């Protein structure tokens, strides 16, 4: 009995030591330093720095999908445009809701791998969209909506709800966890077009079709939910896409402040797996407790619990990188709905995808195409260079765009 206990303890200490060593080495490799109070600080706050901090996670994701990428590309490359495929004044956007285990879901994943910041898979409720250009049958870009985090101080303060209202009404909010245009449409500010499509009748109808009878994340009760508000956060500090985004005099996204710089992006998947293995060794419930409604909070709880158990300060989760938070009301009275003041949402501000597309063409795409004609040089085969970070020309480097940031 004593021998078995010693062996178990030795294994436990070995895992603890491995986690500590791996975490310290990883944070050091990213360039994190500590301030006078022992808190983590990023090397600097530039967008290039933020991209560098995500490089390890991005490489892990690309390596994980390597076989898939090779299998997908031959059949899916036809959906990406060359620069000379575009006729800017003829662009006509159309939304397609993506179903799981289809070629469309493969195309969504492939497009998301061109981002220089790895894309989350989303949590709980999830709607993924392809944005097509019907004039060329090519892919303009993608966006996806998923369950919002339960605690987001800047959002909760902006709404002004209490804890009971949040439990009851969070079901009426979704978060845009990925959104952007792929080359060459990104060079023509296609990201602004896609962001504007969040506020479309088609998005509302897709939500109603799938989630009209949603179960509350916290209450576990079925509710007659309507999508009244979409939130998003910038991936690379201050956003140049969402800031002051307006179309035909209507504000689409508004900045409401910044996050406090907490999160888990700087904890890579291999280290997170070690932490789960450690908690499983301890028979802790958090080792395998990911279910609908847990979302990103579960991952934070796992990391925090593991850090405490091995004697490290959970403040390591405070990475010091604040993300700008934006809101896009679909209902004119969104706040009134969320605080329980109004019962029926007013969706009179919503336009159709076609209407938004035409306005965006004249507002952004045509003027940009006249000023920046180098989009014509884009070749679809360079998508593979973006995925593998092999930017072999000045234009390819300029064309790569992380639209969410």
Protein backbone atom coordinates (compact mmCIF):
# COMPACT_ATOMS: atom_id res chain seq x y z
CA UNK A 1 0.00 0.00 0.00
CA UNK A 2 2.76 2.45 0.94
CA UNK A 3 4.67 1.51 -2.17
CA UNK A 4 1.67 2.25 -4.36
CA UNK A 5 1.13 5.62 -2.64
CA UNK A 6 4.78 6.58 -3.15
CA UNK A 7 4.57 5.60 -6.81
CA UNK A 8 1.39 7.61 -7.26
CA UNK A 9 2.88 10.67 -5.56
CA UNK A 10 6.01 10.40 -7.66
CA UNK A 11 3.90 10.41 -10.81
CA UNK A 12 1.92 13.36 -9.52
CA UNK A 13 5.04 15.38 -8.72
CA UNK A 14 6.45 14.54 -12.13
CA UNK A 15 3.40 15.96 -13.91
CA UNK A 16 3.44 19.07 -11.69
CA UNK A 17 7.11 19.69 -12.43
CA UNK A 18 6.54 19.19 -16.15
CA UNK A 19 3.67 21.69 -16.21
CA UNK A 20 5.69 24.31 -14.31
CA UNK A 21 8.74 23.86 -16.52
CA UNK A 22 6.73 23.88 -19.76
CA UNK A 23 4.73 26.93 -18.75
CA UNK A 24 7.76 28.99 -17.75
CA UNK A 25 9.66 28.04 -20.91
CA UNK A 26 6.66 28.83 -23.10
CA UNK A 27 5.99 32.25 -21.58
CA UNK A 28 9.69 33.07 -21.84
CA UNK A 29 9.77 32.03 -25.49
CA UNK A 30 6.86 34.39 -26.20
CA UNK A 31 8.76 37.27 -24.66
CA UNK A 32 6.49 37.85 -21.67
CA UNK A 33 8.08 39.71 -18.79
CA UNK A 34 6.85 40.55 -15.28
CA UNK A 35 6.26 44.02 -13.94
CA UNK A 36 7.15 45.29 -10.46
CA UNK A 37 4.10 43.55 -9.01
CA UNK A 38 4.88 40.22 -10.65
CA UNK A 39 2.18 40.48 -13.34
CA UNK A 40 2.70 39.27 -16.88
CA UNK A 41 3.37 41.92 -19.50
CA UNK A 42 3.55 41.34 -23.28
CA UNK A 43 6.76 42.36 -25.06
CA UNK A 44 4.90 45.31 -26.61
CA UNK A 45 1.39 46.18 -27.76
CA UNK A 46 1.86 46.26 -31.53
CA UNK A 47 -0.22 44.11 -33.88
CA UNK A 48 2.92 42.32 -35.06
CA UNK A 49 3.64 41.40 -31.44
CA UNK A 50 0.12 40.05 -30.98
CA UNK A 51 0.54 37.91 -34.10
CA UNK A 52 3.86 36.59 -32.80
CA UNK A 53 2.23 35.62 -29.50
CA UNK A 54 -0.22 33.42 -31.43
CA UNK A 55 2.38 31.76 -33.67
CA UNK A 56 2.75 28.57 -31.61
CA UNK A 57 -0.99 27.96 -31.41
CA UNK A 58 -1.37 28.71 -35.10
CA UNK A 59 1.41 26.27 -36.01
CA UNK A 60 -0.20 23.59 -33.85
CA UNK A 61 -3.49 24.13 -35.67
CA UNK A 62 -1.90 24.00 -39.12
CA UNK A 63 0.06 20.86 -38.21
CA UNK A 64 -3.12 19.26 -36.88
CA UNK A 65 -4.95 19.96 -40.15
CA UNK A 66 -2.03 19.24 -42.48
CA UNK A 67 -3.58 16.12 -43.99
CA UNK A 68 -6.95 17.81 -44.28
CA UNK A 69 -5.47 20.82 -46.07
CA UNK A 70 -3.84 18.57 -48.64
CA UNK A 71 -7.11 16.71 -49.14
CA UNK A 72 -9.30 19.82 -49.28
CA UNK A 73 -7.32 22.06 -51.60
CA UNK A 74 -7.67 20.22 -54.96
CA UNK A 75 -11.46 20.21 -54.80
CA UNK A 76 -12.01 23.52 -52.99
CA UNK A 77 -9.53 25.83 -54.73
CA UNK A 78 -12.10 26.59 -57.41
CA UNK A 79 -14.11 28.59 -54.88
CA UNK A 80 -11.28 31.08 -54.27
CA UNK A 81 -10.91 33.98 -56.71
CA UNK A 82 -8.01 35.22 -58.74
CA UNK A 83 -7.78 38.98 -58.84
CA UNK A 84 -8.95 39.12 -62.46
CA UNK A 85 -12.12 37.17 -61.54
CA UNK A 86 -13.47 40.22 -59.71
CA UNK A 87 -15.73 42.80 -61.28
CA UNK A 88 -16.12 45.22 -58.36
CA UNK A 89 -19.35 46.89 -59.47
CA UNK A 90 -20.96 43.47 -60.06
CA UNK A 91 -20.18 41.94 -56.66
CA UNK A 92 -23.35 40.51 -55.13
CA UNK A 93 -23.13 39.00 -51.65
CA UNK A 94 -25.16 35.97 -50.58
CA UNK A 95 -25.13 34.14 -47.24
CA UNK A 96 -25.03 30.35 -46.91
CA UNK A 97 -25.54 28.76 -43.50
CA UNK A 98 -22.98 25.97 -43.09
CA UNK A 99 -24.08 22.51 -41.99
CA UNK A 100 -21.69 20.11 -40.28
CA UNK A 101 -19.83 17.41 -42.22
CA UNK A 102 -20.31 18.98 -45.65
CA UNK A 103 -17.92 20.35 -48.26
CA UNK A 104 -19.08 23.78 -47.16
CA UNK A 105 -17.85 23.11 -43.62
CA UNK A 106 -14.50 22.01 -45.08
CA UNK A 107 -14.35 25.24 -47.10
CA UNK A 108 -15.10 27.27 -43.96
CA UNK A 109 -12.25 25.57 -42.08
CA UNK A 110 -9.84 26.02 -44.97
CA UNK A 111 -10.65 29.74 -45.28
CA UNK A 112 -10.25 30.23 -41.53
CA UNK A 113 -6.73 28.80 -41.66
CA UNK A 114 -5.55 31.82 -43.67
CA UNK A 115 -5.94 33.98 -40.53
CA UNK A 116 -2.69 34.82 -38.76
CA UNK A 117 -4.50 34.41 -35.43
CA UNK A 118 -5.94 30.90 -34.94
CA UNK A 119 -9.70 30.73 -35.14
CA UNK A 120 -11.75 29.31 -32.27
CA UNK A 121 -14.25 26.52 -32.92
CA UNK A 122 -16.94 28.40 -30.98
CA UNK A 123 -19.01 27.14 -28.07
CA UNK A 124 -22.55 25.90 -27.50
CA UNK A 125 -24.93 27.36 -30.07
CA UNK A 126 -23.09 27.97 -33.30
CA UNK A 127 -23.95 29.36 -36.73
CA UNK A 128 -21.29 29.46 -39.44
CA UNK A 129 -21.78 31.34 -42.70
CA UNK A 130 -20.07 31.40 -46.07
CA UNK A 131 -20.36 34.73 -47.89
CA UNK A 132 -20.52 34.19 -51.64
CA UNK A 133 -20.12 36.57 -54.55
CA UNK A 134 -22.90 35.47 -56.88
CA UNK A 135 -21.38 37.44 -59.75
CA UNK A 136 -18.34 35.15 -59.84
CA UNK A 137 -19.42 32.14 -57.71
CA UNK A 138 -16.35 32.80 -55.54
CA UNK A 139 -15.96 33.02 -51.79
CA UNK A 140 -15.86 36.55 -50.36
CA UNK A 141 -15.30 35.45 -46.77
CA UNK A 142 -16.77 33.86 -43.67
CA UNK A 143 -18.26 34.66 -40.30
CA UNK A 144 -19.52 32.64 -37.37
CA UNK A 145 -21.69 33.36 -34.36
CA UNK A 146 -21.49 31.39 -31.12
CA UNK A 147 -22.50 31.57 -27.48
CA UNK A 148 -21.14 34.64 -25.67
CA UNK A 149 -19.08 34.36 -22.51
CA UNK A 150 -21.19 34.65 -19.37
CA UNK A 151 -18.99 37.24 -17.65
CA UNK A 152 -17.87 40.20 -19.74
CA UNK A 153 -17.75 43.31 -17.57
CA UNK A 154 -17.60 45.92 -20.33
CA UNK A 155 -20.64 44.37 -22.08
CA UNK A 156 -22.60 43.93 -18.86
CA UNK A 157 -21.92 47.51 -17.78
CA UNK A 158 -23.01 48.82 -21.20
CA UNK A 159 -26.29 46.90 -21.04
CA UNK A 160 -26.82 47.78 -17.39
CA UNK A 161 -28.49 44.52 -16.43
CA UNK A 162 -28.41 42.73 -13.10
CA UNK A 163 -27.39 39.10 -12.60
CA UNK A 164 -30.96 37.78 -12.85
CA UNK A 165 -31.55 39.66 -16.10
CA UNK A 166 -28.30 38.33 -17.52
CA UNK A 167 -29.24 34.72 -16.67
CA UNK A 168 -32.61 35.23 -18.32
CA UNK A 169 -31.62 37.22 -21.40
CA UNK A 170 -28.13 36.08 -22.39
CA UNK A 171 -29.84 33.69 -24.78
CA UNK A 172 -30.66 36.74 -26.96
CA UNK A 173 -26.96 37.50 -27.58
CA UNK A 174 -24.45 35.83 -29.86
CA UNK A 175 -20.75 36.54 -30.31
CA UNK A 176 -19.03 36.87 -33.69
CA UNK A 177 -16.00 34.73 -32.91
CA UNK A 178 -14.65 34.83 -36.44
CA UNK A 179 -15.35 37.27 -39.24
CA UNK A 180 -13.37 38.25 -42.31
CA UNK A 181 -12.80 38.35 -46.04
CA UNK A 182 -10.36 36.18 -47.95
CA UNK A 183 -8.05 37.45 -50.72
CA UNK A 184 -8.54 39.23 -53.01
CA UNK A 185 -11.81 40.55 -51.54
CA UNK A 186 -10.04 41.63 -48.34
CA UNK A 187 -7.98 44.10 -50.37
CA UNK A 188 -11.24 45.79 -51.38
CA UNK A 189 -12.41 46.16 -47.77
CA UNK A 190 -14.59 43.08 -48.08
CA UNK A 191 -14.27 42.68 -44.32
CA UNK A 192 -16.43 45.76 -43.83
CA UNK A 193 -19.06 44.28 -46.12
CA UNK A 194 -19.09 41.04 -44.14
CA UNK A 195 -19.25 42.87 -40.80
CA UNK A 196 -22.25 44.81 -42.10
CA UNK A 197 -24.03 41.57 -43.02
CA UNK A 198 -24.29 40.68 -39.33
CA UNK A 199 -27.11 43.24 -39.23
CA UNK A 200 -29.17 41.52 -41.94
CA UNK A 201 -32.62 39.98 -42.11
CA UNK A 202 -31.08 36.70 -43.25
CA UNK A 203 -28.99 36.36 -40.09
CA UNK A 204 -32.04 36.96 -37.91
CA UNK A 205 -34.08 34.40 -39.86
CA UNK A 206 -31.29 31.83 -39.65
CA UNK A 207 -31.16 32.31 -35.87
CA UNK A 208 -34.94 32.01 -35.57
CA UNK A 209 -34.97 28.85 -37.66
CA UNK A 210 -32.34 27.17 -35.52
CA UNK A 211 -32.72 28.67 -32.04
CA UNK A 212 -36.17 30.20 -31.65
CA UNK A 213 -36.79 27.73 -28.82
CA UNK A 214 -33.36 28.02 -27.18
CA UNK A 215 -32.48 26.58 -23.82
CA UNK A 216 -30.93 29.13 -21.47
CA UNK A 217 -27.26 28.51 -20.70
CA UNK A 218 -27.70 29.10 -16.97
CA UNK A 219 -31.43 28.56 -16.34
CA UNK A 220 -31.59 25.36 -18.44
CA UNK A 221 -35.13 26.40 -19.44
CA UNK A 222 -36.47 26.69 -22.97
CA UNK A 223 -37.11 30.27 -24.04
CA UNK A 224 -38.55 32.04 -27.08
CA UNK A 225 -35.27 33.69 -28.00
CA UNK A 226 -34.67 36.31 -30.67
CA UNK A 227 -31.23 37.53 -31.70
CA UNK A 228 -31.15 41.11 -30.43
CA UNK A 229 -27.41 41.80 -30.07
CA UNK A 230 -24.14 40.51 -31.50
CA UNK A 231 -20.84 41.19 -29.75
CA UNK A 232 -17.28 40.76 -30.94
CA UNK A 233 -13.77 41.51 -29.73
CA UNK A 234 -10.73 42.50 -31.74
CA UNK A 235 -7.97 39.93 -31.97
CA UNK A 236 -5.16 42.45 -32.42
CA UNK A 237 -5.78 45.31 -30.01
CA UNK A 238 -7.60 48.31 -31.45
CA UNK A 239 -9.66 47.36 -34.51
CA UNK A 240 -9.56 49.25 -37.80
CA UNK A 241 -12.48 47.24 -39.21
CA UNK A 242 -15.25 47.74 -36.68
CA UNK A 243 -14.41 51.23 -35.44
CA UNK A 244 -17.02 53.73 -36.64
CA UNK A 245 -18.47 51.14 -39.01
CA UNK A 246 -21.56 52.76 -40.51
CA UNK A 247 -23.57 52.24 -43.67
CA UNK A 248 -26.23 54.62 -45.03
CA UNK A 249 -26.07 56.58 -41.81
CA UNK A 250 -26.70 53.51 -39.63
CA UNK A 251 -24.02 52.53 -37.11
CA UNK A 252 -23.35 48.79 -37.47
CA UNK A 253 -20.77 48.16 -34.74
CA UNK A 254 -19.97 50.46 -31.83
CA UNK A 255 -16.99 50.27 -29.49
CA UNK A 256 -17.97 49.96 -25.83
CA UNK A 257 -14.53 49.63 -24.25
CA UNK A 258 -11.78 47.09 -23.69
CA UNK A 259 -11.41 43.78 -21.93
CA UNK A 260 -9.29 43.68 -18.78
CA UNK A 261 -6.57 41.51 -20.33
CA UNK A 262 -7.51 38.10 -18.90
CA UNK A 263 -7.72 34.92 -20.94
CA UNK A 264 -6.06 31.69 -21.98
CA UNK A 265 -4.78 32.26 -25.54
CA UNK A 266 -1.19 32.14 -24.23
CA UNK A 267 -1.72 28.61 -22.85
CA UNK A 268 -1.15 26.31 -25.86
CA UNK A 269 -3.16 23.15 -26.45
CA UNK A 270 -0.36 20.75 -25.50
CA UNK A 271 0.08 22.47 -22.13
CA UNK A 272 -3.68 22.58 -21.58
CA UNK A 273 -3.83 18.83 -22.25
CA UNK A 274 -1.16 18.31 -19.60
CA UNK A 275 -3.25 20.28 -17.12
CA UNK A 276 -6.29 18.14 -17.87
CA UNK A 277 -4.19 14.98 -17.46
CA UNK A 278 -3.00 16.30 -14.12
CA UNK A 279 -6.55 17.00 -12.91
CA UNK A 280 -7.66 13.57 -14.13
CA UNK A 281 -4.84 12.09 -12.03
CA UNK A 282 -6.41 13.89 -9.06
CA UNK A 283 -9.90 12.72 -10.14
CA UNK A 284 -10.98 16.34 -10.33
CA UNK A 285 -14.33 16.99 -12.03
CA UNK A 286 -12.88 19.78 -14.19
CA UNK A 287 -10.68 17.31 -16.07
CA UNK A 288 -13.59 16.32 -18.28
CA UNK A 289 -16.45 18.72 -17.67
CA UNK A 290 -16.96 20.36 -21.05
CA UNK A 291 -20.60 20.43 -22.04
CA UNK A 292 -23.12 22.82 -23.56
CA UNK A 293 -23.11 26.06 -21.60
CA UNK A 294 -19.58 25.67 -20.23
CA UNK A 295 -17.91 27.38 -23.19
CA UNK A 296 -14.61 29.22 -22.75
CA UNK A 297 -15.26 29.54 -19.03
CA UNK A 298 -14.58 25.81 -18.65
CA UNK A 299 -11.11 26.15 -20.13
CA UNK A 300 -10.34 29.05 -17.80
CA UNK A 301 -11.55 27.04 -14.82
CA UNK A 302 -9.37 24.06 -15.76
CA UNK A 303 -6.27 26.21 -16.06
CA UNK A 304 -6.99 28.14 -12.87
CA UNK A 305 -7.61 24.94 -10.88
CA UNK A 306 -4.45 23.29 -12.18
CA UNK A 307 -2.30 26.34 -11.47
CA UNK A 308 -3.56 26.59 -7.90
CA UNK A 309 -2.94 22.90 -7.26
CA UNK A 310 0.67 23.06 -8.43
CA UNK A 311 1.35 26.21 -6.41
CA UNK A 312 1.39 28.78 -9.23
CA UNK A 313 -0.51 32.06 -9.13
CA UNK A 314 -3.64 31.91 -11.36
CA UNK A 315 -2.90 35.54 -12.24
CA UNK A 316 -0.80 34.03 -15.03
CA UNK A 317 -4.12 34.12 -16.89
CA UNK A 318 -3.82 37.90 -16.89
CA UNK A 319 -1.81 38.30 -20.08
CA UNK A 320 -2.16 42.09 -20.22
CA UNK A 321 -3.52 42.27 -23.76
CA UNK A 322 -6.75 44.24 -23.82
CA UNK A 323 -9.13 43.57 -26.69
CA UNK A 324 -11.56 46.15 -27.96
CA UNK A 325 -15.21 45.10 -27.49
CA UNK A 326 -17.91 45.99 -30.03
CA UNK A 327 -21.68 45.60 -30.10
CA UNK A 328 -24.01 45.30 -33.06
CA UNK A 329 -27.69 45.70 -32.12
CA UNK A 330 -30.06 43.87 -34.47
CA UNK A 331 -33.06 45.19 -32.59
CA UNK A 332 -33.61 48.91 -32.31
CA UNK A 333 -34.60 48.34 -28.67
CA UNK A 334 -31.96 45.69 -27.90
CA UNK A 335 -31.01 47.08 -24.49
CA UNK A 336 -34.67 47.40 -23.51
CA UNK A 337 -35.18 43.71 -24.32
CA UNK A 338 -32.07 42.64 -22.42
CA UNK A 339 -33.01 44.47 -19.22
CA UNK A 340 -36.63 43.33 -19.43
CA UNK A 341 -38.08 46.78 -20.13
CA UNK A 342 -39.48 45.76 -23.52
CA UNK A 343 -41.05 42.44 -24.46
CA UNK A 344 -41.13 42.61 -28.24
CA UNK A 345 -37.94 43.38 -30.22
CA UNK A 346 -38.09 46.01 -32.96
CA UNK A 347 -36.18 44.77 -36.02
CA UNK A 348 -37.08 47.67 -38.30
CA UNK A 349 -33.40 48.63 -38.74
CA UNK A 350 -32.54 45.38 -40.53
CA UNK A 351 -31.85 45.31 -44.28
CA UNK A 352 -31.57 42.39 -46.68
CA UNK A 353 -28.21 40.97 -47.71
CA UNK A 354 -28.79 42.33 -51.21
CA UNK A 355 -29.47 45.87 -49.93
CA UNK A 356 -26.41 45.80 -47.67
CA UNK A 357 -24.25 44.41 -50.46
CA UNK A 358 -25.18 47.16 -52.91
CA UNK A 359 -24.59 49.90 -50.34
CA UNK A 360 -21.22 48.41 -49.34
CA UNK A 361 -20.08 48.23 -52.97
CA UNK A 362 -20.61 51.96 -53.45
CA UNK A 363 -19.38 52.92 -49.97
CA UNK A 364 -16.15 50.89 -49.82
CA UNK A 365 -15.46 48.43 -52.61
CA UNK A 366 -15.63 50.59 -55.73
CA UNK A 367 -13.59 53.51 -54.30
CA UNK A 368 -10.98 51.05 -53.01
CA UNK A 369 -10.76 49.20 -56.34
CA UNK A 370 -10.02 52.47 -58.11
CA UNK A 371 -7.27 53.45 -55.67
CA UNK A 372 -5.69 50.03 -55.10
CA UNK A 373 -5.57 48.12 -58.38
CA UNK A 374 -2.96 45.63 -57.17
CA UNK A 375 -5.77 43.26 -56.14
CA UNK A 376 -5.73 42.21 -59.80
CA UNK A 377 -2.35 40.55 -59.22
CA UNK A 378 -3.69 38.06 -56.71
CA UNK A 379 -3.49 34.35 -57.66
CA UNK A 380 -5.60 31.84 -55.78
CA UNK A 381 -2.71 29.39 -55.35
CA UNK A 382 -1.19 31.92 -52.92
CA UNK A 383 -3.86 30.83 -50.41
CA UNK A 384 -1.52 27.96 -49.55
CA UNK A 385 1.25 30.48 -48.87
CA UNK A 386 -1.01 32.35 -46.46
CA UNK A 387 -1.86 29.16 -44.62
CA UNK A 388 1.78 28.15 -44.32
CA UNK A 389 3.00 31.74 -43.72
CA UNK A 390 5.22 31.69 -46.80
CA UNK A 391 4.70 35.25 -48.04
CA UNK A 392 6.81 35.16 -51.14
CA UNK A 393 5.90 38.54 -52.49
CA UNK A 394 5.16 42.03 -51.25
CA UNK A 395 1.61 41.83 -52.53
CA UNK A 396 0.89 38.52 -50.77
CA UNK A 397 2.09 40.02 -47.50
CA UNK A 398 -0.07 43.12 -48.00
CA UNK A 399 -3.08 41.03 -48.99
CA UNK A 400 -3.10 38.91 -45.86
CA UNK A 401 -5.64 40.31 -43.47
CA UNK A 402 -6.86 39.30 -40.04
CA UNK A 403 -10.26 40.93 -40.41
CA UNK A 404 -11.39 40.29 -36.86
CA UNK A 405 -8.55 42.56 -35.67
